[in-house]
Amino acid sequence: MVVVVVVVVVVVVVVLVVVLVPLVPVVLLVVVLVVLVALLLLLVVVLLLLVLLLLVVLLVVLLVLLLLLLLTCPIPGFSNEEETAVGLNEKVPFLCEDKLKELGGKYFAGAAWGKMSTAAGCGDKGKRHEDGGRRDRALVTGQNPTSSAMCAQQAVMFIC
């Protein structure tokens, strides 16, 4: 779009130069050209600012959607018990279970070091399935590394 605007302005300037050169003094022609270039630069800056504003709005919308997803889907993660067992409770800035609950998320966990995952998106509103997982909206997460295979299986089921 910017290229089209630049081409149009250049064509207008060339036409003005060809038509006005014989009729006006050179100083006036230079002033007109400087004004036209300044307007062109202003137009480019305005277009860039509009694109930047659009990107910021898009980023805000994506963050709001992510927050809504995190606050409405049940999410497993390392439990406080698991974090403490490996000594991470003193090394990490926050515990996953505590932070999710603090932010209003729907945290859940199975037994410590057990397999637990959620595959959201299949429309069953959190019903447990024979594989031990849950399916709600559009997120696949697991409780800990032992849940990796279950998460992968549920991701494949979710995609297919």
N, C-alpha and C. Protein backbone atom coordinates (compact mmCIF):
# COMPACT_ATOMS: atom_id res chain seq x y z
N MET A 1 0.83 -1.19 0.00
CA MET A 1 0.00 0.00 0.00
C MET A 1 0.87 1.25 0.00
N VAL A 2 1.97 1.21 0.77
CA VAL A 2 2.87 2.35 0.83
C VAL A 2 3.50 2.58 -0.54
N VAL A 3 3.83 1.50 -1.25
CA VAL A 3 4.43 1.62 -2.58
C VAL A 3 3.47 2.31 -3.54
N VAL A 4 2.19 1.98 -3.48
CA VAL A 4 1.19 2.61 -4.34
C VAL A 4 1.12 4.10 -4.04
N VAL A 5 1.13 4.47 -2.77
CA VAL A 5 1.07 5.88 -2.39
C VAL A 5 2.30 6.61 -2.90
N VAL A 6 3.48 6.00 -2.76
CA VAL A 6 4.72 6.63 -3.23
C VAL A 6 4.67 6.83 -4.74
N VAL A 7 4.21 5.83 -5.47
CA VAL A 7 4.13 5.94 -6.94
C VAL A 7 3.17 7.06 -7.34
N VAL A 8 2.04 7.14 -6.68
CA VAL A 8 1.06 8.19 -6.99
C VAL A 8 1.67 9.57 -6.73
N VAL A 9 2.34 9.72 -5.60
CA VAL A 9 2.94 11.02 -5.27
C VAL A 9 4.03 11.37 -6.27
N VAL A 10 4.85 10.41 -6.67
CA VAL A 10 5.90 10.68 -7.65
C VAL A 10 5.30 11.09 -8.99
N VAL A 11 4.24 10.43 -9.42
CA VAL A 11 3.58 10.79 -10.67
C VAL A 11 3.02 12.21 -10.58
N VAL A 12 2.40 12.53 -9.47
CA VAL A 12 1.86 13.89 -9.28
C VAL A 12 2.98 14.92 -9.33
N VAL A 13 4.10 14.63 -8.67
CA VAL A 13 5.22 15.57 -8.67
C VAL A 13 5.77 15.75 -10.08
N VAL A 14 5.93 14.66 -10.82
CA VAL A 14 6.44 14.76 -12.20
C VAL A 14 5.49 15.58 -13.06
N VAL A 15 4.19 15.34 -12.94
CA VAL A 15 3.22 16.12 -13.73
C VAL A 15 3.29 17.59 -13.35
N LEU A 16 3.37 17.87 -12.06
CA LEU A 16 3.46 19.27 -11.62
C LEU A 16 4.74 19.93 -12.15
N VAL A 17 5.84 19.19 -12.13
CA VAL A 17 7.10 19.76 -12.62
C VAL A 17 7.00 20.06 -14.11
N VAL A 18 6.47 19.12 -14.87
CA VAL A 18 6.37 19.31 -16.32
C VAL A 18 5.42 20.47 -16.66
N VAL A 19 4.32 20.57 -15.93
CA VAL A 19 3.34 21.61 -16.23
C VAL A 19 3.77 22.96 -15.68
N LEU A 20 4.33 22.98 -14.47
CA LEU A 20 4.59 24.26 -13.81
C LEU A 20 5.96 24.86 -14.10
N VAL A 21 6.92 24.07 -14.55
CA VAL A 21 8.27 24.61 -14.76
C VAL A 21 8.27 25.83 -15.67
N PRO A 22 7.61 25.80 -16.79
CA PRO A 22 7.66 27.00 -17.64
C PRO A 22 6.87 28.18 -17.06
N LEU A 23 5.98 27.93 -16.11
CA LEU A 23 5.09 28.99 -15.66
C LEU A 23 5.55 29.69 -14.37
N VAL A 24 6.32 29.02 -13.53
CA VAL A 24 6.67 29.63 -12.24
C VAL A 24 8.17 29.68 -12.06
N PRO A 25 8.59 30.56 -11.18
CA PRO A 25 10.03 30.64 -10.90
C PRO A 25 10.52 29.35 -10.23
N VAL A 26 11.78 29.09 -10.33
CA VAL A 26 12.40 27.87 -9.80
C VAL A 26 12.25 27.80 -8.28
N VAL A 27 12.32 28.93 -7.60
CA VAL A 27 12.23 28.93 -6.14
C VAL A 27 10.87 28.41 -5.70
N LEU A 28 9.83 28.85 -6.32
CA LEU A 28 8.49 28.38 -5.98
C LEU A 28 8.35 26.89 -6.26
N LEU A 29 8.93 26.44 -7.34
CA LEU A 29 8.89 25.02 -7.69
C LEU A 29 9.61 24.19 -6.62
N VAL A 30 10.72 24.65 -6.13
CA VAL A 30 11.47 23.94 -5.07
C VAL A 30 10.63 23.89 -3.80
N VAL A 31 9.95 24.97 -3.47
CA VAL A 31 9.10 24.99 -2.28
C VAL A 31 7.98 23.97 -2.42
N VAL A 32 7.36 23.91 -3.58
CA VAL A 32 6.29 22.95 -3.81
C VAL A 32 6.81 21.53 -3.68
N LEU A 33 7.97 21.26 -4.24
CA LEU A 33 8.56 19.92 -4.15
C LEU A 33 8.89 19.55 -2.70
N VAL A 34 9.42 20.49 -1.94
CA VAL A 34 9.74 20.22 -0.54
C VAL A 34 8.47 19.93 0.25
N VAL A 35 7.43 20.69 0.00
CA VAL A 35 6.16 20.46 0.69
C VAL A 35 5.59 19.09 0.32
N LEU A 36 5.65 18.73 -0.95
CA LEU A 36 5.15 17.43 -1.38
C LEU A 36 5.94 16.28 -0.75
N VAL A 37 7.25 16.41 -0.67
CA VAL A 37 8.08 15.38 -0.04
C VAL A 37 7.76 15.30 1.45
N ALA A 38 7.57 16.42 2.11
CA ALA A 38 7.22 16.42 3.53
C ALA A 38 5.87 15.74 3.75
N LEU A 39 4.90 16.02 2.88
CA LEU A 39 3.60 15.36 3.00
C LEU A 39 3.72 13.86 2.77
N LEU A 40 4.55 13.47 1.82
CA LEU A 40 4.76 12.05 1.57
C LEU A 40 5.37 11.37 2.79
N LEU A 41 6.37 11.99 3.38
CA LEU A 41 6.99 11.42 4.59
C LEU A 41 5.99 11.35 5.74
N LEU A 42 5.17 12.36 5.88
CA LEU A 42 4.14 12.36 6.91
C LEU A 42 3.15 11.22 6.68
N LEU A 43 2.76 11.02 5.44
CA LEU A 43 1.84 9.93 5.11
C LEU A 43 2.46 8.57 5.44
N VAL A 44 3.72 8.39 5.12
CA VAL A 44 4.40 7.13 5.43
C VAL A 44 4.46 6.91 6.94
N VAL A 45 4.77 7.95 7.69
CA VAL A 45 4.83 7.83 9.14
C VAL A 45 3.46 7.48 9.72
N VAL A 46 2.42 8.12 9.22
CA VAL A 46 1.06 7.82 9.69
C VAL A 46 0.69 6.38 9.38
N LEU A 47 1.01 5.90 8.18
CA LEU A 47 0.72 4.52 7.83
C LEU A 47 1.49 3.54 8.72
N LEU A 48 2.74 3.83 9.00
CA LEU A 48 3.52 2.97 9.89
C LEU A 48 2.95 2.96 11.30
N LEU A 49 2.51 4.12 11.77
CA LEU A 49 1.90 4.18 13.10
C LEU A 49 0.59 3.39 13.15
N LEU A 50 -0.18 3.44 12.07
CA LEU A 50 -1.42 2.66 12.02
C LEU A 50 -1.13 1.16 12.03
N VAL A 51 -0.11 0.74 11.30
CA VAL A 51 0.28 -0.67 11.31
C VAL A 51 0.74 -1.07 12.71
N LEU A 52 1.53 -0.24 13.35
CA LEU A 52 2.00 -0.52 14.71
C LEU A 52 0.82 -0.60 15.67
N LEU A 53 -0.12 0.31 15.55
CA LEU A 53 -1.32 0.27 16.40
C LEU A 53 -2.10 -1.01 16.18
N LEU A 54 -2.24 -1.42 14.93
CA LEU A 54 -2.94 -2.66 14.62
C LEU A 54 -2.23 -3.86 15.25
N LEU A 55 -0.91 -3.89 15.19
CA LEU A 55 -0.15 -4.98 15.80
C LEU A 55 -0.32 -4.99 17.32
N VAL A 56 -0.33 -3.83 17.94
CA VAL A 56 -0.52 -3.76 19.39
C VAL A 56 -1.91 -4.27 19.77
N VAL A 57 -2.92 -3.86 19.02
CA VAL A 57 -4.28 -4.32 19.30
C VAL A 57 -4.37 -5.83 19.13
N LEU A 58 -3.76 -6.36 18.09
CA LEU A 58 -3.75 -7.80 17.86
C LEU A 58 -3.06 -8.53 19.01
N LEU A 59 -1.96 -8.00 19.48
CA LEU A 59 -1.24 -8.61 20.61
C LEU A 59 -2.09 -8.60 21.87
N VAL A 60 -2.77 -7.51 22.13
CA VAL A 60 -3.64 -7.41 23.31
C VAL A 60 -4.78 -8.43 23.21
N VAL A 61 -5.38 -8.55 22.04
CA VAL A 61 -6.46 -9.52 21.85
C VAL A 61 -5.95 -10.94 22.09
N LEU A 62 -4.79 -11.26 21.55
CA LEU A 62 -4.22 -12.59 21.76
C LEU A 62 -3.92 -12.86 23.23
N LEU A 63 -3.41 -11.86 23.94
CA LEU A 63 -3.13 -12.04 25.36
C LEU A 63 -4.41 -12.23 26.16
N VAL A 64 -5.46 -11.50 25.81
CA VAL A 64 -6.74 -11.67 26.50
C VAL A 64 -7.31 -13.06 26.24
N LEU A 65 -7.22 -13.52 24.99
CA LEU A 65 -7.71 -14.87 24.67
C LEU A 65 -6.91 -15.94 25.41
N LEU A 66 -5.60 -15.76 25.50
CA LEU A 66 -4.77 -16.71 26.24
C LEU A 66 -5.14 -16.71 27.72
N LEU A 67 -5.34 -15.53 28.28
CA LEU A 67 -5.74 -15.44 29.68
C LEU A 67 -7.09 -16.11 29.91
N LEU A 68 -8.05 -15.87 29.02
CA LEU A 68 -9.36 -16.53 29.15
C LEU A 68 -9.23 -18.04 29.05
N LEU A 69 -8.37 -18.51 28.15
CA LEU A 69 -8.15 -19.94 28.01
C LEU A 69 -7.56 -20.51 29.28
N LEU A 70 -6.57 -19.82 29.85
CA LEU A 70 -5.93 -20.32 31.06
C LEU A 70 -6.85 -20.27 32.27
N LEU A 71 -7.77 -19.31 32.29
CA LEU A 71 -8.66 -19.19 33.44
C LEU A 71 -9.89 -20.09 33.34
N THR A 72 -10.18 -20.59 32.14
CA THR A 72 -11.39 -21.40 32.00
C THR A 72 -11.12 -22.88 31.77
N CYS A 73 -9.92 -23.24 31.33
CA CYS A 73 -9.59 -24.66 31.12
C CYS A 73 -8.92 -25.22 32.37
N PRO A 74 -9.26 -26.44 32.74
CA PRO A 74 -8.53 -27.08 33.83
C PRO A 74 -7.10 -27.38 33.38
N ILE A 75 -6.11 -27.03 34.20
CA ILE A 75 -4.71 -27.13 33.81
C ILE A 75 -3.94 -27.93 34.85
N PRO A 76 -3.35 -29.05 34.45
CA PRO A 76 -2.44 -29.74 35.37
C PRO A 76 -1.05 -29.14 35.27
N GLY A 77 -0.25 -29.35 36.25
CA GLY A 77 1.14 -28.89 36.23
C GLY A 77 1.85 -29.47 37.43
N PHE A 78 3.14 -29.18 37.56
CA PHE A 78 3.86 -29.66 38.72
C PHE A 78 3.10 -29.28 39.98
N SER A 79 2.89 -30.24 40.84
CA SER A 79 2.23 -29.95 42.12
C SER A 79 3.27 -29.40 43.09
N ASN A 80 2.80 -28.73 44.13
CA ASN A 80 3.71 -28.24 45.16
C ASN A 80 4.52 -29.40 45.75
N GLU A 81 3.85 -30.56 45.91
CA GLU A 81 4.52 -31.73 46.46
C GLU A 81 5.68 -32.17 45.56
N GLU A 82 5.46 -32.17 44.23
CA GLU A 82 6.51 -32.57 43.30
C GLU A 82 7.65 -31.55 43.28
N GLU A 83 7.32 -30.27 43.30
CA GLU A 83 8.35 -29.22 43.30
C GLU A 83 9.22 -29.33 44.55
N THR A 84 8.59 -29.57 45.70
CA THR A 84 9.32 -29.68 46.96
C THR A 84 10.18 -30.94 46.97
N ALA A 85 9.68 -32.04 46.41
CA ALA A 85 10.42 -33.30 46.41
C ALA A 85 11.75 -33.20 45.67
N VAL A 86 11.82 -32.39 44.64
CA VAL A 86 13.07 -32.25 43.88
C VAL A 86 13.85 -31.00 44.27
N GLY A 87 13.38 -30.28 45.28
CA GLY A 87 14.11 -29.12 45.78
C GLY A 87 13.95 -27.86 44.94
N LEU A 88 12.99 -27.82 44.06
CA LEU A 88 12.80 -26.62 43.22
C LEU A 88 12.01 -25.53 43.93
N ASN A 89 11.33 -25.86 45.01
CA ASN A 89 10.52 -24.85 45.69
C ASN A 89 11.35 -23.68 46.20
N GLU A 90 12.64 -23.89 46.42
CA GLU A 90 13.53 -22.81 46.86
C GLU A 90 14.25 -22.14 45.70
N LYS A 91 14.17 -22.71 44.49
CA LYS A 91 14.94 -22.20 43.36
C LYS A 91 14.10 -21.48 42.31
N VAL A 92 12.84 -21.79 42.22
CA VAL A 92 11.99 -21.16 41.20
C VAL A 92 11.30 -19.93 41.79
N PRO A 93 10.96 -18.95 40.95
CA PRO A 93 10.33 -17.73 41.46
C PRO A 93 8.92 -17.94 42.01
N PHE A 94 8.25 -18.98 41.55
CA PHE A 94 6.91 -19.30 42.06
C PHE A 94 6.64 -20.77 41.80
N LEU A 95 5.72 -21.33 42.54
CA LEU A 95 5.30 -22.71 42.34
C LEU A 95 4.11 -22.71 41.38
N CYS A 96 4.13 -23.63 40.43
CA CYS A 96 3.11 -23.69 39.38
C CYS A 96 1.70 -23.79 39.99
N GLU A 97 1.52 -24.70 40.91
CA GLU A 97 0.20 -24.91 41.52
C GLU A 97 -0.28 -23.64 42.20
N ASP A 98 0.60 -23.02 43.01
CA ASP A 98 0.21 -21.81 43.74
C ASP A 98 -0.12 -20.66 42.78
N LYS A 99 0.70 -20.48 41.73
CA LYS A 99 0.51 -19.35 40.81
C LYS A 99 -0.78 -19.51 40.01
N LEU A 100 -1.05 -20.73 39.53
CA LEU A 100 -2.30 -20.94 38.78
C LEU A 100 -3.51 -20.67 39.66
N LYS A 101 -3.47 -21.16 40.89
CA LYS A 101 -4.60 -20.92 41.81
C LYS A 101 -4.72 -19.43 42.14
N GLU A 102 -3.58 -18.78 42.35
CA GLU A 102 -3.58 -17.35 42.68
C GLU A 102 -4.20 -16.52 41.55
N LEU A 103 -3.94 -16.91 40.30
CA LEU A 103 -4.46 -16.18 39.15
C LEU A 103 -5.89 -16.58 38.80
N GLY A 104 -6.46 -17.50 39.57
CA GLY A 104 -7.84 -17.90 39.33
C GLY A 104 -7.99 -19.04 38.34
N GLY A 105 -6.89 -19.68 38.00
CA GLY A 105 -6.95 -20.81 37.07
C GLY A 105 -7.54 -22.05 37.73
N LYS A 106 -7.96 -22.97 36.90
CA LYS A 106 -8.55 -24.22 37.40
C LYS A 106 -7.47 -25.30 37.43
N TYR A 107 -6.64 -25.28 38.45
CA TYR A 107 -5.54 -26.23 38.58
C TYR A 107 -6.06 -27.56 39.09
N PHE A 108 -5.52 -28.65 38.56
CA PHE A 108 -5.79 -29.97 39.12
C PHE A 108 -4.56 -30.84 38.94
N ALA A 109 -4.43 -31.84 39.76
CA ALA A 109 -3.28 -32.74 39.67
C ALA A 109 -3.68 -34.12 40.13
N GLY A 110 -2.98 -35.09 39.60
CA GLY A 110 -3.16 -36.46 40.06
C GLY A 110 -2.16 -36.73 41.18
N ALA A 111 -1.87 -38.00 41.39
CA ALA A 111 -0.89 -38.37 42.41
C ALA A 111 0.48 -37.83 42.00
N ALA A 112 1.32 -37.55 42.99
CA ALA A 112 2.66 -37.04 42.71
C ALA A 112 3.39 -38.00 41.79
N TRP A 113 3.98 -37.47 40.74
CA TRP A 113 4.75 -38.20 39.73
C TRP A 113 3.89 -39.16 38.91
N GLY A 114 2.58 -39.05 39.03
CA GLY A 114 1.69 -39.87 38.22
C GLY A 114 1.42 -39.21 36.88
N LYS A 115 0.81 -39.95 35.99
CA LYS A 115 0.46 -39.40 34.68
C LYS A 115 -0.87 -38.67 34.78
N MET A 116 -0.88 -37.41 34.34
CA MET A 116 -2.10 -36.62 34.33
C MET A 116 -1.95 -35.57 33.24
N SER A 117 -2.95 -35.47 32.39
CA SER A 117 -2.92 -34.44 31.35
C SER A 117 -4.34 -34.01 31.04
N THR A 118 -4.44 -32.91 30.31
CA THR A 118 -5.74 -32.47 29.82
C THR A 118 -5.59 -32.19 28.34
N ALA A 119 -6.56 -32.65 27.59
CA ALA A 119 -6.62 -32.35 26.15
C ALA A 119 -7.92 -31.62 25.93
N ALA A 120 -7.85 -30.33 25.83
CA ALA A 120 -9.05 -29.52 25.74
C ALA A 120 -9.46 -29.35 24.29
N GLY A 121 -10.75 -29.42 24.02
CA GLY A 121 -11.24 -29.14 22.68
C GLY A 121 -12.23 -30.14 22.13
N CYS A 122 -12.48 -31.22 22.83
CA CYS A 122 -13.35 -32.27 22.29
C CYS A 122 -14.79 -32.11 22.73
N GLY A 123 -15.12 -31.10 23.51
CA GLY A 123 -16.50 -30.79 23.83
C GLY A 123 -17.12 -31.59 24.95
N ASP A 124 -16.33 -32.34 25.72
CA ASP A 124 -16.91 -33.15 26.79
C ASP A 124 -16.94 -32.41 28.13
N LYS A 125 -16.52 -31.18 28.17
CA LYS A 125 -16.55 -30.34 29.37
C LYS A 125 -15.92 -31.04 30.58
N GLY A 126 -14.71 -31.52 30.41
CA GLY A 126 -13.94 -31.99 31.56
C GLY A 126 -14.21 -33.40 32.02
N LYS A 127 -14.95 -34.19 31.26
CA LYS A 127 -15.19 -35.57 31.67
C LYS A 127 -13.89 -36.35 31.61
N ARG A 128 -13.68 -37.21 32.57
CA ARG A 128 -12.49 -38.05 32.54
C ARG A 128 -12.70 -39.18 31.53
N HIS A 129 -11.64 -39.54 30.87
CA HIS A 129 -11.70 -40.59 29.86
C HIS A 129 -10.91 -41.80 30.32
N GLU A 130 -11.05 -42.91 29.56
CA GLU A 130 -10.40 -44.15 29.96
C GLU A 130 -8.88 -44.01 30.04
N ASP A 131 -8.31 -43.05 29.33
CA ASP A 131 -6.86 -42.87 29.39
C ASP A 131 -6.44 -42.02 30.59
N GLY A 132 -7.39 -41.57 31.40
CA GLY A 132 -7.09 -40.78 32.59
C GLY A 132 -7.05 -39.29 32.34
N GLY A 133 -7.12 -38.86 31.08
CA GLY A 133 -7.04 -37.44 30.78
C GLY A 133 -8.40 -36.78 30.76
N ARG A 134 -8.39 -35.48 30.49
CA ARG A 134 -9.62 -34.70 30.40
C ARG A 134 -9.61 -33.95 29.08
N ARG A 135 -10.81 -33.65 28.56
CA ARG A 135 -10.92 -32.90 27.31
C ARG A 135 -11.94 -31.77 27.49
N ASP A 136 -11.51 -30.53 27.23
CA ASP A 136 -12.43 -29.40 27.43
C ASP A 136 -12.48 -28.46 26.23
N ARG A 137 -11.42 -27.70 25.96
CA ARG A 137 -11.51 -26.67 24.91
C ARG A 137 -10.37 -26.74 23.91
N ALA A 138 -9.28 -26.03 24.08
CA ALA A 138 -8.25 -25.97 23.04
C ALA A 138 -6.84 -25.90 23.62
N LEU A 139 -6.51 -26.75 24.56
CA LEU A 139 -5.21 -26.70 25.21
C LEU A 139 -4.82 -28.12 25.62
N VAL A 140 -3.57 -28.50 25.37
CA VAL A 140 -3.07 -29.80 25.79
C VAL A 140 -1.90 -29.55 26.74
N THR A 141 -2.04 -30.00 27.98
CA THR A 141 -0.98 -29.81 28.97
C THR A 141 -0.84 -31.08 29.80
N GLY A 142 0.28 -31.19 30.50
CA GLY A 142 0.51 -32.34 31.36
C GLY A 142 1.00 -31.92 32.72
N GLN A 143 0.93 -32.85 33.68
CA GLN A 143 1.30 -32.53 35.05
C GLN A 143 2.82 -32.51 35.24
N ASN A 144 3.52 -33.46 34.62
CA ASN A 144 4.96 -33.59 34.84
C ASN A 144 5.55 -34.38 33.67
N PRO A 145 6.86 -34.61 33.67
CA PRO A 145 7.47 -35.33 32.55
C PRO A 145 6.90 -36.73 32.31
N THR A 146 6.41 -37.40 33.34
CA THR A 146 5.83 -38.74 33.12
C THR A 146 4.53 -38.66 32.33
N SER A 147 3.98 -37.46 32.19
CA SER A 147 2.74 -37.27 31.43
C SER A 147 3.00 -36.99 29.95
N SER A 148 4.25 -36.97 29.52
CA SER A 148 4.60 -36.58 28.15
C SER A 148 3.94 -37.46 27.10
N ALA A 149 4.02 -38.79 27.29
CA ALA A 149 3.44 -39.69 26.29
C ALA A 149 1.92 -39.49 26.20
N MET A 150 1.27 -39.32 27.35
CA MET A 150 -0.18 -39.10 27.36
C MET A 150 -0.52 -37.78 26.65
N CYS A 151 0.28 -36.75 26.90
CA CYS A 151 0.05 -35.45 26.23
C CYS A 151 0.19 -35.61 24.72
N ALA A 152 1.22 -36.33 24.29
CA ALA A 152 1.43 -36.52 22.86
C ALA A 152 0.26 -37.27 22.24
N GLN A 153 -0.21 -38.31 22.90
CA GLN A 153 -1.36 -39.07 22.38
C GLN A 153 -2.61 -38.20 22.31
N GLN A 154 -2.84 -37.40 23.33
CA GLN A 154 -4.01 -36.54 23.32
C GLN A 154 -3.91 -35.43 22.30
N ALA A 155 -2.68 -34.93 22.08
CA ALA A 155 -2.49 -33.91 21.03
C ALA A 155 -2.82 -34.49 19.67
N VAL A 156 -2.39 -35.74 19.42
CA VAL A 156 -2.70 -36.39 18.15
C VAL A 156 -4.21 -36.60 18.03
N MET A 157 -4.86 -37.06 19.11
CA MET A 157 -6.32 -37.26 19.09
C MET A 157 -7.03 -35.93 18.84
N PHE A 158 -6.53 -34.86 19.45
CA PHE A 158 -7.14 -33.55 19.32
C PHE A 158 -7.04 -33.05 17.88
N ILE A 159 -5.88 -33.27 17.25
CA ILE A 159 -5.66 -32.80 15.88
C ILE A 159 -6.48 -33.63 14.90
N CYS A 160 -6.53 -34.93 15.14
CA CYS A 160 -7.24 -35.83 14.21
C CYS A 160 -8.67 -35.75 14.54
